[in-house]
Amino acid sequence: MTSRQTSEEDVGQAPALTIDALGKKCPIPIIMLAERINHVPLNGVVAVLADDPAAFTDIPAWCRLKSHRHVASHELPQGGWAIHVRRNY
């Protein structure tokens, strides 16, 4: 499974937290995620809204580095993505 595919357990889980990083350049979306991921319960999902193209690749890379799970990235109608991250610890 690639980092942009979802498993059956991920389908339909609403984010416990949404971080609006639209208009912010990397690394700000990652910093915002790192500061707030512990605000959701274990196995909770955080959605990061971002429109900086670097965030599209850097957030999944951060997940691999920090042992969290990149669940999916969804395109937003207004541009950018909702990048979903599952808290693993």
PDB file of N, CA and C in Angstrom:
ATOM      1  N   MET A   1       0.849  -1.172   0.000  1.00  0.00           N
ATOM      2  CA  MET A   1       0.000   0.000   0.000  1.00  0.00           C
ATOM      3  C   MET A   1       0.896   1.236   0.000  1.00  0.00           C
ATOM      4  N   THR A   2       0.616   2.206  -0.869  1.00  0.00           N
ATOM      5  CA  THR A   2       1.398   3.436  -0.893  1.00  0.00           C
ATOM      6  C   THR A   2       0.873   4.387   0.163  1.00  0.00           C
ATOM      7  N   SER A   3       1.623   5.458   0.404  1.00  0.00           N
ATOM      8  CA  SER A   3       1.251   6.386   1.469  1.00  0.00           C
ATOM      9  C   SER A   3      -0.026   7.167   1.154  1.00  0.00           C
ATOM     10  N   ARG A   4      -0.473   7.160  -0.093  1.00  0.00           N
ATOM     11  CA  ARG A   4      -1.667   7.923  -0.435  1.00  0.00           C
ATOM     12  C   ARG A   4      -2.912   7.057  -0.549  1.00  0.00           C
ATOM     13  N   GLN A   5      -2.771   5.755  -0.324  1.00  0.00           N
ATOM     14  CA  GLN A   5      -3.926   4.872  -0.330  1.00  0.00           C
ATOM     15  C   GLN A   5      -4.450   4.735   1.086  1.00  0.00           C
ATOM     16  N   THR A   6      -5.708   4.340   1.195  1.00  0.00           N
ATOM     17  CA  THR A   6      -6.296   4.162   2.513  1.00  0.00           C
ATOM     18  C   THR A   6      -6.637   2.702   2.724  1.00  0.00           C
ATOM     19  N   SER A   7      -6.649   2.286   3.971  1.00  0.00           N
ATOM     20  CA  SER A   7      -7.075   0.934   4.298  1.00  0.00           C
ATOM     21  C   SER A   7      -8.536   0.997   4.729  1.00  0.00           C
ATOM     22  N   GLU A   8      -9.159  -0.162   4.899  1.00  0.00           N
ATOM     23  CA  GLU A   8     -10.559  -0.195   5.312  1.00  0.00           C
ATOM     24  C   GLU A   8     -10.759   0.462   6.676  1.00  0.00           C
ATOM     25  N   GLU A   9      -9.773   0.338   7.577  1.00  0.00           N
ATOM     26  CA  GLU A   9      -9.926   0.927   8.906  1.00  0.00           C
ATOM     27  C   GLU A   9      -9.917   2.453   8.864  1.00  0.00           C
ATOM     28  N   ASP A  10      -9.340   3.039   7.821  1.00  0.00           N
ATOM     29  CA  ASP A  10      -9.250   4.489   7.720  1.00  0.00           C
ATOM     30  C   ASP A  10     -10.463   5.127   7.053  1.00  0.00           C
ATOM     31  N   VAL A  11     -11.199   4.350   6.291  1.00  0.00           N
ATOM     32  CA  VAL A  11     -12.323   4.897   5.536  1.00  0.00           C
ATOM     33  C   VAL A  11     -13.416   5.354   6.499  1.00  0.00           C
ATOM     34  N   GLY A  12     -13.843   6.583   6.319  1.00  0.00           N
ATOM     35  CA  GLY A  12     -14.980   7.077   7.079  1.00  0.00           C
ATOM     36  C   GLY A  12     -14.660   7.643   8.449  1.00  0.00           C
ATOM     37  N   GLN A  13     -13.410   7.621   8.897  1.00  0.00           N
ATOM     38  CA  GLN A  13     -13.101   8.199  10.202  1.00  0.00           C
ATOM     39  C   GLN A  13     -12.930   9.700  10.053  1.00  0.00           C
ATOM     40  N   ALA A  14     -13.771  10.450  10.736  1.00  0.00           N
ATOM     41  CA  ALA A  14     -13.686  11.907  10.685  1.00  0.00           C
ATOM     42  C   ALA A  14     -12.490  12.373  11.504  1.00  0.00           C
ATOM     43  N   PRO A  15     -11.830  13.422  11.066  1.00  0.00           N
ATOM     44  CA  PRO A  15     -10.710  13.949  11.841  1.00  0.00           C
ATOM     45  C   PRO A  15     -11.174  14.439  13.213  1.00  0.00           C
ATOM     46  N   ALA A  16     -10.365  14.146  14.226  1.00  0.00           N
ATOM     47  CA  ALA A  16     -10.633  14.641  15.573  1.00  0.00           C
ATOM     48  C   ALA A  16     -10.200  16.106  15.693  1.00  0.00           C
ATOM     49  N   LEU A  17      -9.302  16.550  14.794  1.00  0.00           N
ATOM     50  CA  LEU A  17      -8.770  17.904  14.819  1.00  0.00           C
ATOM     51  C   LEU A  17      -8.444  18.317  13.396  1.00  0.00           C
ATOM     52  N   THR A  18      -8.766  19.550  13.042  1.00  0.00           N
ATOM     53  CA  THR A  18      -8.388  20.108  11.747  1.00  0.00           C
ATOM     54  C   THR A  18      -7.491  21.306  11.988  1.00  0.00           C
ATOM     55  N   ILE A  19      -6.341  21.318  11.343  1.00  0.00           N
ATOM     56  CA  ILE A  19      -5.380  22.410  11.438  1.00  0.00           C
ATOM     57  C   ILE A  19      -5.403  23.161  10.116  1.00  0.00           C
ATOM     58  N   ASP A  20      -5.744  24.444  10.159  1.00  0.00           N
ATOM     59  CA  ASP A  20      -5.798  25.265   8.955  1.00  0.00           C
ATOM     60  C   ASP A  20      -4.444  25.925   8.734  1.00  0.00           C
ATOM     61  N   ALA A  21      -3.665  25.361   7.817  1.00  0.00           N
ATOM     62  CA  ALA A  21      -2.366  25.923   7.467  1.00  0.00           C
ATOM     63  C   ALA A  21      -2.381  26.486   6.052  1.00  0.00           C
ATOM     64  N   LEU A  22      -3.566  26.766   5.532  1.00  0.00           N
ATOM     65  CA  LEU A  22      -3.682  27.334   4.183  1.00  0.00           C
ATOM     66  C   LEU A  22      -2.985  28.691   4.156  1.00  0.00           C
ATOM     67  N   GLY A  23      -2.201  28.911   3.105  1.00  0.00           N
ATOM     68  CA  GLY A  23      -1.476  30.168   2.962  1.00  0.00           C
ATOM     69  C   GLY A  23      -0.143  30.191   3.693  1.00  0.00           C
ATOM     70  N   LYS A  24       0.173  29.135   4.420  1.00  0.00           N
ATOM     71  CA  LYS A  24       1.430  29.086   5.169  1.00  0.00           C
ATOM     72  C   LYS A  24       2.436  28.216   4.408  1.00  0.00           C
ATOM     73  N   LYS A  25       3.675  28.655   4.380  1.00  0.00           N
ATOM     74  CA  LYS A  25       4.734  27.934   3.679  1.00  0.00           C
ATOM     75  C   LYS A  25       5.401  26.946   4.620  1.00  0.00           C
ATOM     76  N   CYS A  26       5.875  25.838   4.047  1.00  0.00           N
ATOM     77  CA  CYS A  26       6.624  24.869   4.841  1.00  0.00           C
ATOM     78  C   CYS A  26       7.871  25.545   5.389  1.00  0.00           C
ATOM     79  N   PRO A  27       8.215  25.247   6.615  1.00  0.00           N
ATOM     80  CA  PRO A  27       7.789  24.126   7.443  1.00  0.00           C
ATOM     81  C   PRO A  27       6.640  24.442   8.402  1.00  0.00           C
ATOM     82  N   ILE A  28       5.979  25.582   8.254  1.00  0.00           N
ATOM     83  CA  ILE A  28       4.943  25.979   9.221  1.00  0.00           C
ATOM     84  C   ILE A  28       3.844  24.922   9.360  1.00  0.00           C
ATOM     85  N   PRO A  29       3.286  24.337   8.273  1.00  0.00           N
ATOM     86  CA  PRO A  29       2.257  23.299   8.475  1.00  0.00           C
ATOM     87  C   PRO A  29       2.749  22.119   9.315  1.00  0.00           C
ATOM     88  N   ILE A  30       4.009  21.726   9.132  1.00  0.00           N
ATOM     89  CA  ILE A  30       4.563  20.619   9.924  1.00  0.00           C
ATOM     90  C   ILE A  30       4.742  21.036  11.378  1.00  0.00           C
ATOM     91  N   ILE A  31       5.192  22.250  11.604  1.00  0.00           N
ATOM     92  CA  ILE A  31       5.354  22.738  12.973  1.00  0.00           C
ATOM     93  C   ILE A  31       3.998  22.775  13.674  1.00  0.00           C
ATOM     94  N   MET A  32       2.969  23.250  12.961  1.00  0.00           N
ATOM     95  CA  MET A  32       1.622  23.289  13.542  1.00  0.00           C
ATOM     96  C   MET A  32       1.143  21.878  13.885  1.00  0.00           C
ATOM     97  N   LEU A  33       1.389  20.919  12.991  1.00  0.00           N
ATOM     98  CA  LEU A  33       1.007  19.527  13.238  1.00  0.00           C
ATOM     99  C   LEU A  33       1.763  18.967  14.441  1.00  0.00           C
ATOM    100  N   ALA A  34       3.065  19.182  14.492  1.00  0.00           N
ATOM    101  CA  ALA A  34       3.880  18.653  15.591  1.00  0.00           C
ATOM    102  C   ALA A  34       3.436  19.212  16.940  1.00  0.00           C
ATOM    103  N   GLU A  35       3.050  20.480  16.965  1.00  0.00           N
ATOM    104  CA  GLU A  35       2.612  21.105  18.212  1.00  0.00           C
ATOM    105  C   GLU A  35       1.259  20.593  18.690  1.00  0.00           C
ATOM    106  N   ARG A  36       0.422  20.127  17.761  1.00  0.00           N
ATOM    107  CA  ARG A  36      -0.962  19.818  18.136  1.00  0.00           C
ATOM    108  C   ARG A  36      -1.358  18.356  18.017  1.00  0.00           C
ATOM    109  N   ILE A  37      -0.515  17.496  17.474  1.00  0.00           N
ATOM    110  CA  ILE A  37      -0.928  16.099  17.275  1.00  0.00           C
ATOM    111  C   ILE A  37      -1.260  15.420  18.600  1.00  0.00           C
ATOM    112  N   ASN A  38      -0.616  15.808  19.678  1.00  0.00           N
ATOM    113  CA  ASN A  38      -0.896  15.193  20.975  1.00  0.00           C
ATOM    114  C   ASN A  38      -2.202  15.683  21.597  1.00  0.00           C
ATOM    115  N   HIS A  39      -2.905  16.577  20.923  1.00  0.00           N
ATOM    116  CA  HIS A  39      -4.204  17.057  21.402  1.00  0.00           C
ATOM    117  C   HIS A  39      -5.342  16.121  21.007  1.00  0.00           C
ATOM    118  N   VAL A  40      -5.044  15.105  20.202  1.00  0.00           N
ATOM    119  CA  VAL A  40      -6.065  14.131  19.822  1.00  0.00           C
ATOM    120  C   VAL A  40      -5.755  12.813  20.517  1.00  0.00           C
ATOM    121  N   PRO A  41      -6.758  11.962  20.725  1.00  0.00           N
ATOM    122  CA  PRO A  41      -6.498  10.668  21.365  1.00  0.00           C
ATOM    123  C   PRO A  41      -5.642   9.766  20.482  1.00  0.00           C
ATOM    124  N   LEU A  42      -5.029   8.760  21.097  1.00  0.00           N
ATOM    125  CA  LEU A  42      -4.294   7.767  20.312  1.00  0.00           C
ATOM    126  C   LEU A  42      -5.195   7.210  19.232  1.00  0.00           C
ATOM    127  N   ASN A  43      -4.655   7.005  18.062  1.00  0.00           N
ATOM    128  CA  ASN A  43      -5.366   6.529  16.868  1.00  0.00           C
ATOM    129  C   ASN A  43      -6.338   7.555  16.307  1.00  0.00           C
ATOM    130  N   GLY A  44      -6.360   8.753  16.876  1.00  0.00           N
ATOM    131  CA  GLY A  44      -7.170   9.832  16.322  1.00  0.00           C
ATOM    132  C   GLY A  44      -6.519  10.379  15.062  1.00  0.00           C
ATOM    133  N   VAL A  45      -7.332  11.026  14.232  1.00  0.00           N
ATOM    134  CA  VAL A  45      -6.854  11.569  12.959  1.00  0.00           C
ATOM    135  C   VAL A  45      -6.843  13.089  13.019  1.00  0.00           C
ATOM    136  N   VAL A  46      -5.748  13.661  12.534  1.00  0.00           N
ATOM    137  CA  VAL A  46      -5.604  15.102  12.382  1.00  0.00           C
ATOM    138  C   VAL A  46      -5.623  15.399  10.890  1.00  0.00           C
ATOM    139  N   ALA A  47      -6.425  16.375  10.492  1.00  0.00           N
ATOM    140  CA  ALA A  47      -6.425  16.835   9.103  1.00  0.00           C
ATOM    141  C   ALA A  47      -5.661  18.151   9.046  1.00  0.00           C
ATOM    142  N   VAL A  48      -4.644  18.210   8.209  1.00  0.00           N
ATOM    143  CA  VAL A  48      -3.895  19.443   7.998  1.00  0.00           C
ATOM    144  C   VAL A  48      -4.311  19.990   6.646  1.00  0.00           C
ATOM    145  N   LEU A  49      -4.907  21.183   6.649  1.00  0.00           N
ATOM    146  CA  LEU A  49      -5.270  21.848   5.402  1.00  0.00           C
ATOM    147  C   LEU A  49      -4.077  22.683   4.975  1.00  0.00           C
ATOM    148  N   ALA A  50      -3.541  22.402   3.803  1.00  0.00           N
ATOM    149  CA  ALA A  50      -2.346  23.098   3.335  1.00  0.00           C
ATOM    150  C   ALA A  50      -2.394  23.261   1.824  1.00  0.00           C
ATOM    151  N   ASP A  51      -1.829  24.379   1.352  1.00  0.00           N
ATOM    152  CA  ASP A  51      -1.770  24.599  -0.095  1.00  0.00           C
ATOM    153  C   ASP A  51      -0.342  24.807  -0.598  1.00  0.00           C
ATOM    154  N   ASP A  52       0.638  24.704   0.279  1.00  0.00           N
ATOM    155  CA  ASP A  52       2.030  24.750  -0.150  1.00  0.00           C
ATOM    156  C   ASP A  52       2.393  23.379  -0.712  1.00  0.00           C
ATOM    157  N   PRO A  53       2.837  23.302  -1.968  1.00  0.00           N
ATOM    158  CA  PRO A  53       3.158  21.994  -2.556  1.00  0.00           C
ATOM    159  C   PRO A  53       4.167  21.189  -1.737  1.00  0.00           C
ATOM    160  N   ALA A  54       5.053  21.846  -1.015  1.00  0.00           N
ATOM    161  CA  ALA A  54       6.023  21.118  -0.190  1.00  0.00           C
ATOM    162  C   ALA A  54       5.318  20.336   0.909  1.00  0.00           C
ATOM    163  N   ALA A  55       4.223  20.854   1.441  1.00  0.00           N
ATOM    164  CA  ALA A  55       3.500  20.158   2.517  1.00  0.00           C
ATOM    165  C   ALA A  55       2.947  18.828   2.036  1.00  0.00           C
ATOM    166  N   PHE A  56       2.570  18.745   0.762  1.00  0.00           N
ATOM    167  CA  PHE A  56       1.994  17.525   0.207  1.00  0.00           C
ATOM    168  C   PHE A  56       2.956  16.348   0.326  1.00  0.00           C
ATOM    169  N   THR A  57       4.236  16.597   0.182  1.00  0.00           N
ATOM    170  CA  THR A  57       5.230  15.528   0.312  1.00  0.00           C
ATOM    171  C   THR A  57       5.908  15.524   1.682  1.00  0.00           C
ATOM    172  N   ASP A  58       6.068  16.711   2.277  1.00  0.00           N
ATOM    173  CA  ASP A  58       6.800  16.799   3.544  1.00  0.00           C
ATOM    174  C   ASP A  58       6.022  16.249   4.736  1.00  0.00           C
ATOM    175  N   ILE A  59       4.704  16.405   4.762  1.00  0.00           N
ATOM    176  CA  ILE A  59       3.929  15.875   5.896  1.00  0.00           C
ATOM    177  C   ILE A  59       3.965  14.339   5.908  1.00  0.00           C
ATOM    178  N   PRO A  60       3.741  13.656   4.783  1.00  0.00           N
ATOM    179  CA  PRO A  60       3.908  12.193   4.809  1.00  0.00           C
ATOM    180  C   PRO A  60       5.332  11.765   5.210  1.00  0.00           C
ATOM    181  N   ALA A  61       6.340  12.517   4.773  1.00  0.00           N
ATOM    182  CA  ALA A  61       7.721  12.192   5.162  1.00  0.00           C
ATOM    183  C   ALA A  61       7.907  12.382   6.669  1.00  0.00           C
ATOM    184  N   TRP A  62       7.327  13.434   7.224  1.00  0.00           N
ATOM    185  CA  TRP A  62       7.382  13.673   8.670  1.00  0.00           C
ATOM    186  C   TRP A  62       6.719  12.511   9.415  1.00  0.00           C
ATOM    187  N   CYS A  63       5.599  12.027   8.883  1.00  0.00           N
ATOM    188  CA  CYS A  63       4.915  10.887   9.505  1.00  0.00           C
ATOM    189  C   CYS A  63       5.825   9.668   9.576  1.00  0.00           C
ATOM    190  N   ARG A  64       6.519   9.367   8.502  1.00  0.00           N
ATOM    191  CA  ARG A  64       7.440   8.221   8.499  1.00  0.00           C
ATOM    192  C   ARG A  64       8.565   8.440   9.516  1.00  0.00           C
ATOM    193  N   LEU A  65       9.090   9.650   9.565  1.00  0.00           N
ATOM    194  CA  LEU A  65      10.181   9.975  10.480  1.00  0.00           C
ATOM    195  C   LEU A  65       9.740   9.867  11.937  1.00  0.00           C
ATOM    196  N   LYS A  66       8.516  10.290  12.239  1.00  0.00           N
ATOM    197  CA  LYS A  66       8.020  10.339  13.611  1.00  0.00           C
ATOM    198  C   LYS A  66       7.143   9.147  13.980  1.00  0.00           C
ATOM    199  N   SER A  67       6.998   8.174  13.086  1.00  0.00           N
ATOM    200  CA  SER A  67       6.218   6.947  13.328  1.00  0.00           C
ATOM    201  C   SER A  67       4.727   7.208  13.547  1.00  0.00           C
ATOM    202  N   HIS A  68       4.201   8.240  12.898  1.00  0.00           N
ATOM    203  CA  HIS A  68       2.761   8.417  12.816  1.00  0.00           C
ATOM    204  C   HIS A  68       2.354   7.902  11.441  1.00  0.00           C
ATOM    205  N   ARG A  69       1.061   7.845  11.161  1.00  0.00           N
ATOM    206  CA  ARG A  69       0.621   7.261   9.893  1.00  0.00           C
ATOM    207  C   ARG A  69      -0.043   8.306   9.012  1.00  0.00           C
ATOM    208  N   HIS A  70       0.465   8.436   7.795  1.00  0.00           N
ATOM    209  CA  HIS A  70      -0.205   9.270   6.793  1.00  0.00           C
ATOM    210  C   HIS A  70      -1.364   8.437   6.254  1.00  0.00           C
ATOM    211  N   VAL A  71      -2.583   8.870   6.548  1.00  0.00           N
ATOM    212  CA  VAL A  71      -3.775   8.111   6.172  1.00  0.00           C
ATOM    213  C   VAL A  71      -4.125   8.367   4.710  1.00  0.00           C
ATOM    214  N   ALA A  72      -4.218   9.635   4.330  1.00  0.00           N
ATOM    215  CA  ALA A  72      -4.618   9.986   2.966  1.00  0.00           C
ATOM    216  C   ALA A  72      -4.411  11.470   2.750  1.00  0.00           C
ATOM    217  N   SER A  73      -4.383  11.860   1.484  1.00  0.00           N
ATOM    218  CA  SER A  73      -4.374  13.271   1.106  1.00  0.00           C
ATOM    219  C   SER A  73      -5.511  13.481   0.117  1.00  0.00           C
ATOM    220  N   HIS A  74      -6.383  14.429   0.441  1.00  0.00           N
ATOM    221  CA  HIS A  74      -7.541  14.717  -0.404  1.00  0.00           C
ATOM    222  C   HIS A  74      -7.415  16.127  -0.958  1.00  0.00           C
ATOM    223  N   GLU A  75      -7.667  16.290  -2.259  1.00  0.00           N
ATOM    224  CA  GLU A  75      -7.645  17.627  -2.850  1.00  0.00           C
ATOM    225  C   GLU A  75      -8.826  18.444  -2.334  1.00  0.00           C
ATOM    226  N   LEU A  76      -8.567  19.711  -2.060  1.00  0.00           N
ATOM    227  CA  LEU A  76      -9.620  20.629  -1.625  1.00  0.00           C
ATOM    228  C   LEU A  76     -10.177  21.362  -2.831  1.00  0.00           C
ATOM    229  N   PRO A  77     -11.478  21.650  -2.850  1.00  0.00           N
ATOM    230  CA  PRO A  77     -12.072  22.339  -4.004  1.00  0.00           C
ATOM    231  C   PRO A  77     -11.437  23.703  -4.276  1.00  0.00           C
ATOM    232  N   GLN A  78     -11.011  24.409  -3.234  1.00  0.00           N
ATOM    233  CA  GLN A  78     -10.433  25.739  -3.387  1.00  0.00           C
ATOM    234  C   GLN A  78      -8.929  25.695  -3.665  1.00  0.00           C
ATOM    235  N   GLY A  79      -8.368  24.489  -3.771  1.00  0.00           N
ATOM    236  CA  GLY A  79      -6.939  24.310  -3.987  1.00  0.00           C
ATOM    237  C   GLY A  79      -6.262  23.867  -2.709  1.00  0.00           C
ATOM    238  N   GLY A  80      -5.223  23.101  -2.848  1.00  0.00           N
ATOM    239  CA  GLY A  80      -4.527  22.555  -1.692  1.00  0.00           C
ATOM    240  C   GLY A  80      -5.069  21.187  -1.342  1.00  0.00           C
ATOM    241  N   TRP A  81      -4.746  20.735  -0.140  1.00  0.00           N
ATOM    242  CA  TRP A  81      -5.088  19.383   0.281  1.00  0.00           C
ATOM    243  C   TRP A  81      -5.508  19.346   1.736  1.00  0.00           C
ATOM    244  N   ALA A  82      -6.270  18.337   2.068  1.00  0.00           N
ATOM    245  CA  ALA A  82      -6.503  17.943   3.456  1.00  0.00           C
ATOM    246  C   ALA A  82      -5.653  16.691   3.644  1.00  0.00           C
ATOM    247  N   ILE A  83      -4.596  16.812   4.422  1.00  0.00           N
ATOM    248  CA  ILE A  83      -3.656  15.724   4.618  1.00  0.00           C
ATOM    249  C   ILE A  83      -3.959  15.101   5.978  1.00  0.00           C
ATOM    250  N   HIS A  84      -4.395  13.836   5.966  1.00  0.00           N
ATOM    251  CA  HIS A  84      -4.841  13.171   7.186  1.00  0.00           C
ATOM    252  C   HIS A  84      -3.720  12.334   7.799  1.00  0.00           C
ATOM    253  N   VAL A  85      -3.522  12.538   9.101  1.00  0.00           N
ATOM    254  CA  VAL A  85      -2.458  11.871   9.844  1.00  0.00           C
ATOM    255  C   VAL A  85      -3.071  11.192  11.060  1.00  0.00           C
ATOM    256  N   ARG A  86      -2.736   9.918  11.250  1.00  0.00           N
ATOM    257  CA  ARG A  86      -3.207   9.175  12.425  1.00  0.00           C
ATOM    258  C   ARG A  86      -2.125   9.202  13.496  1.00  0.00           C
ATOM    259  N   ARG A  87      -2.512   9.591  14.718  1.00  0.00           N
ATOM    260  CA  ARG A  87      -1.579   9.607  15.842  1.00  0.00           C
ATOM    261  C   ARG A  87      -1.326   8.175  16.314  1.00  0.00           C
ATOM    262  N   ASN A  88      -0.074   7.752  16.319  1.00  0.00           N
ATOM    263  CA  ASN A  88       0.283   6.394  16.705  1.00  0.00           C
ATOM    264  C   ASN A  88       0.787   6.266  18.126  1.00  0.00           C
ATOM    265  N   TYR A  89       1.181   7.346  18.776  1.00  0.00           N
ATOM    266  CA  TYR A  89       1.681   7.270  20.146  1.00  0.00           C
ATOM    267  C   TYR A  89       1.437   8.569  20.875  1.00  0.00           C
TER     268      TYR A  89
END
